[in-house]
C-alpha atoms as a PDB file:
ATOM      1  CA  MET A   1       0.232  -0.343  -0.184  1.00  0.00           C
ATOM      2  CA  THR A   2       1.975   3.261  -0.951  1.00  0.00           C
ATOM      3  CA  ASP A   3       1.751   6.645   0.517  1.00  0.00           C
ATOM      4  CA  HIS A   4      -0.957   7.861  -1.389  1.00  0.00           C
ATOM      5  CA  GLN A   5      -2.843   5.030  -0.661  1.00  0.00           C
ATOM      6  CA  GLN A   6      -3.399   5.537   2.618  1.00  0.00           C
ATOM      7  CA  LEU A   7      -3.827   9.223   2.260  1.00  0.00           C
ATOM      8  CA  VAL A   8      -7.059   8.962  -0.025  1.00  0.00           C
ATOM      9  CA  SER A   9      -8.433   5.686   1.937  1.00  0.00           C
ATOM     10  CA  ARG A  10      -8.159   8.029   5.304  1.00  0.00           C
ATOM     11  CA  ASN A  11      -9.457  10.943   3.943  1.00  0.00           C
ATOM     12  CA  VAL A  12     -12.500   9.026   1.610  1.00  0.00           C
ATOM     13  CA  ARG A  13     -13.354   6.940   5.348  1.00  0.00           C
ATOM     14  CA  ARG A  14     -13.393  10.917   7.409  1.00  0.00           C
ATOM     15  CA  PHE A  15     -15.201  12.172   5.112  1.00  0.00           C
ATOM     16  CA  ARG A  16     -18.001   9.559   4.712  1.00  0.00           C
ATOM     17  CA  ARG A  17     -17.895   9.537   8.340  1.00  0.00           C
ATOM     18  CA  GLU A  18     -18.372  13.293   9.152  1.00  0.00           C
ATOM     19  CA  ARG A  19     -21.257  13.029   6.364  1.00  0.00           C
ATOM     20  CA  GLY A  20     -22.932  10.090   8.454  1.00  0.00           C
ATOM     21  CA  LEU A  21     -23.007   8.017   5.238  1.00  0.00           C
ATOM     22  CA  SER A  22     -22.763   4.687   5.364  1.00  0.00           C
ATOM     23  CA  MET A  23     -20.311   2.805   2.679  1.00  0.00           C
ATOM     24  CA  SER A  24     -23.925   1.690   0.919  1.00  0.00           C
ATOM     25  CA  ALA A  25     -25.140   5.156   0.524  1.00  0.00           C
ATOM     26  CA  LEU A  26     -21.885   6.322  -0.546  1.00  0.00           C
ATOM     27  CA  ALA A  27     -21.179   4.500  -2.711  1.00  0.00           C
ATOM     28  CA  HIS A  28     -24.650   4.595  -4.380  1.00  0.00           C
ATOM     29  CA  ARG A  29     -24.075   8.101  -4.665  1.00  0.00           C
ATOM     30  CA  ALA A  30     -21.059   8.096  -5.853  1.00  0.00           C
ATOM     31  CA  GLY A  31     -21.678   5.458  -8.456  1.00  0.00           C
ATOM     32  CA  LEU A  32     -19.559   3.166  -7.034  1.00  0.00           C
ATOM     33  CA  SER A  33     -20.041  -0.724  -6.435  1.00  0.00           C
ATOM     34  CA  LYS A  34     -20.090  -1.008  -2.548  1.00  0.00           C
ATOM     35  CA  GLN A  35     -16.971  -3.360  -3.571  1.00  0.00           C
ATOM     36  CA  THR A  36     -14.857  -0.807  -4.950  1.00  0.00           C
ATOM     37  CA  LEU A  37     -15.376   1.931  -2.322  1.00  0.00           C
ATOM     38  CA  SER A  38     -14.554  -0.771   0.227  1.00  0.00           C
ATOM     39  CA  THR A  39     -11.465  -1.715  -1.607  1.00  0.00           C
ATOM     40  CA  LEU A  40     -10.348   2.137  -1.733  1.00  0.00           C
ATOM     41  CA  GLU A  41     -11.197   2.450   2.154  1.00  0.00           C
ATOM     42  CA  GLN A  42      -9.091  -0.176   2.786  1.00  0.00           C
ATOM     43  CA  GLY A  43      -6.400   1.594   0.851  1.00  0.00           C
ATOM     44  CA  LEU A  44      -5.868  -1.489  -1.405  1.00  0.00           C
ATOM     45  CA  GLY A  45      -7.351   0.202  -4.653  1.00  0.00           C
ATOM     46  CA  ASN A  46      -6.008   2.447  -6.776  1.00  0.00           C
ATOM     47  CA  PRO A  47      -8.355   4.983  -8.067  1.00  0.00           C
ATOM     48  CA  THR A  48      -8.244   6.660 -11.211  1.00  0.00           C
ATOM     49  CA  VAL A  49      -8.735  10.317 -11.414  1.00  0.00           C
ATOM     50  CA  GLU A  50     -12.693   9.548 -12.262  1.00  0.00           C
ATOM     51  CA  THR A  51     -13.213   7.776  -9.742  1.00  0.00           C
ATOM     52  CA  LEU A  52     -11.430  10.623  -7.223  1.00  0.00           C
ATOM     53  CA  ALA A  53     -13.953  13.148  -9.040  1.00  0.00           C
ATOM     54  CA  VAL A  54     -16.743  10.988  -8.522  1.00  0.00           C
ATOM     55  CA  LEU A  55     -16.371  10.476  -4.695  1.00  0.00           C
ATOM     56  CA  ALA A  56     -15.676  14.148  -4.416  1.00  0.00           C
ATOM     57  CA  ALA A  57     -18.971  15.167  -5.777  1.00  0.00           C
ATOM     58  CA  ALA A  58     -20.813  12.388  -3.825  1.00  0.00           C
ATOM     59  CA  LEU A  59     -18.964  13.811  -0.397  1.00  0.00           C
ATOM     60  CA  ASP A  60     -19.293  17.756  -1.719  1.00  0.00           C
ATOM     61  CA  VAL A  61     -15.960  18.388  -1.286  1.00  0.00           C
ATOM     62  CA  SER A  62     -12.751  18.849  -3.779  1.00  0.00           C
ATOM     63  CA  ILE A  63     -10.486  16.041  -5.444  1.00  0.00           C
ATOM     64  CA  ARG A  64      -7.952  18.315  -3.273  1.00  0.00           C
ATOM     65  CA  ARG A  65      -9.318  17.700  -0.503  1.00  0.00           C
ATOM     66  CA  LEU A  66      -9.154  13.419  -1.144  1.00  0.00           C
ATOM     67  CA  LEU A  67      -5.784  14.120  -1.468  1.00  0.00           C
ATOM     68  CA  THR A  68      -5.023  16.346   0.888  1.00  0.00           C
ATOM     69  CA  GLU A  69      -3.563  15.450   4.702  1.00  0.00           C
ATOM     70  CA  TRP A  70      -6.564  16.224   7.204  1.00  0.00           C
ATOM     71  CA  GLY A  71      -5.955  14.449  10.430  1.00  0.00           C
ATOM     72  CA  THR A  72      -2.662  12.671   9.986  1.00  0.00           C
ATOM     73  CA  PRO A  73      -0.920   9.515  12.047  1.00  0.00           C
ATOM     74  CA  VAL A  74       2.299  10.474  14.117  1.00  0.00           C
ATOM     75  CA  PHE A  75       4.996  10.648  11.236  1.00  0.00           C
ATOM     76  CA  VAL A  76       8.685  10.402  12.416  1.00  0.00           C
ATOM     77  CA  GLN A  77      12.424  10.873  10.470  1.00  0.00           C
ATOM     78  CA  ARG A  78      15.124   9.702  12.622  1.00  0.00           C
ATOM     79  CA  ALA A  79      17.981  12.231  12.344  1.00  0.00           C
ATOM     80  CA  GLY A  80      19.934   9.173  10.730  1.00  0.00           C
ATOM     81  CA  ASP A  81      17.135   8.346   8.007  1.00  0.00           C
ATOM     82  CA  GLY A  82      17.011  11.330   6.315  1.00  0.00           C
ATOM     83  CA  THR A  83      19.498  12.675   2.778  1.00  0.00           C
ATOM     84  CA  TRP A  84      20.828  15.464   2.774  1.00  0.00           C
ATOM     85  CA  VAL A  85      21.522  16.494  -1.456  1.00  0.00           C
ATOM     86  CA  ASP A  86      23.078  19.749  -2.194  1.00  0.00           C
ATOM     87  CA  SER A  87      22.452  22.391  -4.547  1.00  0.00           C
ATOM     88  CA  ALA A  88      24.220  24.836  -6.161  1.00  0.00           C
ATOM     89  CA  THR A  89      24.130  27.027  -2.990  1.00  0.00           C
ATOM     90  CA  TYR A  90      23.497  25.305  -0.456  1.00  0.00           C
ATOM     91  CA  THR A  91      22.879  21.454   1.024  1.00  0.00           C
ATOM     92  CA  GLU A  92      18.859  20.521   1.920  1.00  0.00           C
ATOM     93  CA  ARG A  93      17.457  17.582   3.992  1.00  0.00           C
ATOM     94  CA  PHE A  94      14.122  17.192   3.116  1.00  0.00           C
ATOM     95  CA  LEU A  95      11.546  16.678   6.118  1.00  0.00           C
ATOM     96  CA  ASP A  96       7.677  16.901   4.830  1.00  0.00           C
ATOM     97  CA  GLU A  97       5.539  18.280   2.870  1.00  0.00           C
ATOM     98  CA  VAL A  98       1.516  18.339   3.499  1.00  0.00           C
ATOM     99  CA  TYR A  99      -0.767  20.123   0.829  1.00  0.00           C
ATOM    100  CA  GLY A 100      -3.463  22.380   0.839  1.00  0.00           C
ATOM    101  CA  SER A 101      -4.408  25.586   1.634  1.00  0.00           C
ATOM    102  CA  GLY A 102      -4.540  27.484   5.371  1.00  0.00           C
ATOM    103  CA  TYR A 103      -2.279  29.434   7.721  1.00  0.00           C
ATOM    104  CA  VAL A 104       0.929  28.261   8.432  1.00  0.00           C
ATOM    105  CA  ARG A 105       2.876  29.032  12.107  1.00  0.00           C
ATOM    106  CA  THR A 106       6.763  28.788  12.071  1.00  0.00           C
ATOM    107  CA  MET A 107       8.342  28.978  15.516  1.00  0.00           C
ATOM    108  CA  GLN A 108      10.838  28.202  17.766  1.00  0.00           C
ATOM    109  CA  PHE A 109      10.237  26.336  21.094  1.00  0.00           C
ATOM    110  CA  ARG A 110      12.126  26.187  24.579  1.00  0.00           C
ATOM    111  CA  LEU A 111      11.290  23.416  26.480  1.00  0.00           C
ATOM    112  CA  GLU A 112      12.602  23.090  29.768  1.00  0.00           C
ATOM    113  CA  ARG A 113      12.234  19.533  32.031  1.00  0.00           C
ATOM    114  CA  ARG A 114      11.100  21.979  34.839  1.00  0.00           C
ATOM    115  CA  TRP A 115       7.842  22.416  32.795  1.00  0.00           C
ATOM    116  CA  ALA A 116       7.549  18.980  31.961  1.00  0.00           C
ATOM    117  CA  SER A 117       3.683  17.857  32.771  1.00  0.00           C
ATOM    118  CA  ASP A 118       1.375  14.932  31.780  1.00  0.00           C
ATOM    119  CA  LYS A 119      -1.106  18.028  31.157  1.00  0.00           C
ATOM    120  CA  PRO A 120      -1.547  18.184  27.343  1.00  0.00           C
ATOM    121  CA  ALA A 121      -0.743  21.267  25.718  1.00  0.00           C
ATOM    122  CA  ALA A 122      -3.401  23.678  24.145  1.00  0.00           C
ATOM    123  CA  VAL A 123      -5.638  22.068  21.596  1.00  0.00           C
ATOM    124  CA  ARG A 124      -5.474  23.674  17.714  1.00  0.00           C
ATOM    125  CA  ALA A 125      -8.295  24.106  15.696  1.00  0.00           C
ATOM    126  CA  PRO A 126      -9.680  21.010  13.730  1.00  0.00           C
ATOM    127  CA  GLY A 127      -7.211  19.753  11.181  1.00  0.00           C
ATOM    128  CA  ALA A 128      -3.942  21.440  12.436  1.00  0.00           C
ATOM    129  CA  LEU A 129      -0.558  19.588  12.161  1.00  0.00           C
ATOM    130  CA  PHE A 130       2.714  19.988  14.049  1.00  0.00           C
ATOM    131  CA  HIS A 131       5.746  20.027  12.424  1.00  0.00           C
ATOM    132  CA  LEU A 132       7.931  19.547  14.674  1.00  0.00           C
ATOM    133  CA  TYR A 133      12.473  19.529  14.254  1.00  0.00           C
ATOM    134  CA  VAL A 134      14.615  19.238  17.198  1.00  0.00           C
ATOM    135  CA  VAL A 135      17.313  21.884  16.899  1.00  0.00           C
ATOM    136  CA  SER A 136      18.816  20.914  20.469  1.00  0.00           C
ATOM    137  CA  GLY A 137      18.263  18.305  23.014  1.00  0.00           C
ATOM    138  CA  ARG A 138      15.336  15.501  23.494  1.00  0.00           C
ATOM    139  CA  VAL A 139      12.042  15.668  23.665  1.00  0.00           C
ATOM    140  CA  ARG A 140       8.670  13.782  24.412  1.00  0.00           C
ATOM    141  CA  VAL A 141       5.889  15.029  21.845  1.00  0.00           C
ATOM    142  CA  GLY A 142       3.012  14.189  20.043  1.00  0.00           C
ATOM    143  CA  PRO A 143      -0.489  13.142  20.907  1.00  0.00           C
ATOM    144  CA  VAL A 144      -1.256  12.003  24.523  1.00  0.00           C
ATOM    145  CA  ALA A 145      -2.223   8.516  23.579  1.00  0.00           C
ATOM    146  CA  GLU A 146       0.931   8.218  21.445  1.00  0.00           C
ATOM    147  CA  PRO A 147       3.806  10.180  22.504  1.00  0.00           C
ATOM    148  CA  VAL A 148       7.113   9.917  20.602  1.00  0.00           C
ATOM    149  CA  ASP A 149      10.518  10.813  21.917  1.00  0.00           C
ATOM    150  CA  LEU A 150      12.834  12.308  19.894  1.00  0.00           C
ATOM    151  CA  ASP A 151      16.639  13.265  20.225  1.00  0.00           C
ATOM    152  CA  THR A 152      18.251  16.421  18.287  1.00  0.00           C
ATOM    153  CA  GLY A 153      17.741  16.123  14.296  1.00  0.00           C
ATOM    154  CA  ASP A 154      15.139  13.891  14.588  1.00  0.00           C
ATOM    155  CA  PHE A 155      11.434  15.168  12.916  1.00  0.00           C
ATOM    156  CA  THR A 156       7.938  14.246  13.540  1.00  0.00           C
ATOM    157  CA  ARG A 157       4.678  15.726  12.066  1.00  0.00           C
ATOM    158  CA  PHE A 158       1.452  15.195  14.442  1.00  0.00           C
ATOM    159  CA  PRO A 159      -2.152  16.422  14.530  1.00  0.00           C
ATOM    160  CA  GLY A 160      -2.440  19.472  17.096  1.00  0.00           C
ATOM    161  CA  ASP A 161      -6.297  19.251  17.185  1.00  0.00           C
ATOM    162  CA  VAL A 162      -5.849  16.492  19.591  1.00  0.00           C
ATOM    163  CA  PRO A 163      -4.676  16.742  23.004  1.00  0.00           C
ATOM    164  CA  HIS A 164      -0.802  16.501  22.849  1.00  0.00           C
ATOM    165  CA  LEU A 165       2.090  16.455  25.076  1.00  0.00           C
ATOM    166  CA  LEU A 166       5.169  19.094  24.585  1.00  0.00           C
ATOM    167  CA  ASN A 167       7.943  17.894  26.950  1.00  0.00           C
ATOM    168  CA  ALA A 168      11.742  18.310  27.043  1.00  0.00           C
ATOM    169  CA  LEU A 169      14.060  15.233  28.290  1.00  0.00           C
ATOM    170  CA  THR A 170      17.133  17.339  28.948  1.00  0.00           C
ATOM    171  CA  GLU A 171      17.634  20.004  31.072  1.00  0.00           C
ATOM    172  CA  THR A 172      17.058  22.248  27.944  1.00  0.00           C
ATOM    173  CA  ALA A 173      15.441  21.571  24.407  1.00  0.00           C
ATOM    174  CA  VAL A 174      15.063  23.698  21.534  1.00  0.00           C
ATOM    175  CA  ALA A 175      13.076  22.856  18.099  1.00  0.00           C
ATOM    176  CA  HIS A 176      11.832  24.188  15.393  1.00  0.00           C
ATOM    177  CA  VAL A 177       8.128  24.311  14.616  1.00  0.00           C
ATOM    178  CA  ALA A 178       5.502  24.988  12.099  1.00  0.00           C
ATOM    179  CA  ILE A 179       1.906  24.904  12.874  1.00  0.00           C
ATOM    180  CA  THR A 180      -0.430  24.554  10.344  1.00  0.00           C
ATOM    181  CA  GLU A 181      -4.384  25.288  10.018  1.00  0.00           C
ATOM    182  CA  PRO A 182      -6.411  24.709   7.764  1.00  0.00           C
ATOM    183  CA  GLN A 183      -8.694  28.166   6.388  1.00  0.00           C
ATOM    184  CA  VAL A 184     -11.250  25.623   5.714  1.00  0.00           C
ATOM    185  CA  ARG A 185     -13.223  24.682   8.927  1.00  0.00           C
ATOM    186  CA  GLN A 186     -12.750  20.942   9.671  1.00  0.00           C
ATOM    187  CA  MET A 187     -15.714  18.972  11.046  1.00  0.00           C
ATOM    188  CA  ARG A 188     -15.094  17.059  13.589  1.00  0.00           C
ATOM    189  CA  ILE A 189     -15.940  13.162  13.370  1.00  0.00           C
END
């Protein structure tokens, strides 16, 4: 199963549930068989542009929304996993990309172990994502149900619209953070 198949699978299932539709009802609206829809929701299908178009219309969303990350599983890239690529004027390491329109807030967080708590950080707007790169130190971050421990050079992306932790595991830690929040109001499941 490719990342794109998983993305389409998550989004079709999410939008179908948000609209209170059964698989049968959505399949009927889209003019697809229930088996085809089931295969797509399991991430096993390879939908054509036409199939994506009829599904998007049946869900009353754009095709782009089916191909955009809305609520994401936790993604981690360890420092040793990235590949540095040379260009004429700099060397870059790709961390992540998310498609869609909305607001992007970029900042640095300085976390101190003395502030660490099991109390979750403030929940952001529906559809918000944290993109966090550890500049120095060690941190424990992510959804309360599945936090991850990261070292200097590690990167993670996790949903910011659920209770989450932002804690230093060393005396002080610094992280570069970009928070993306969709302009389009997200519906909660």
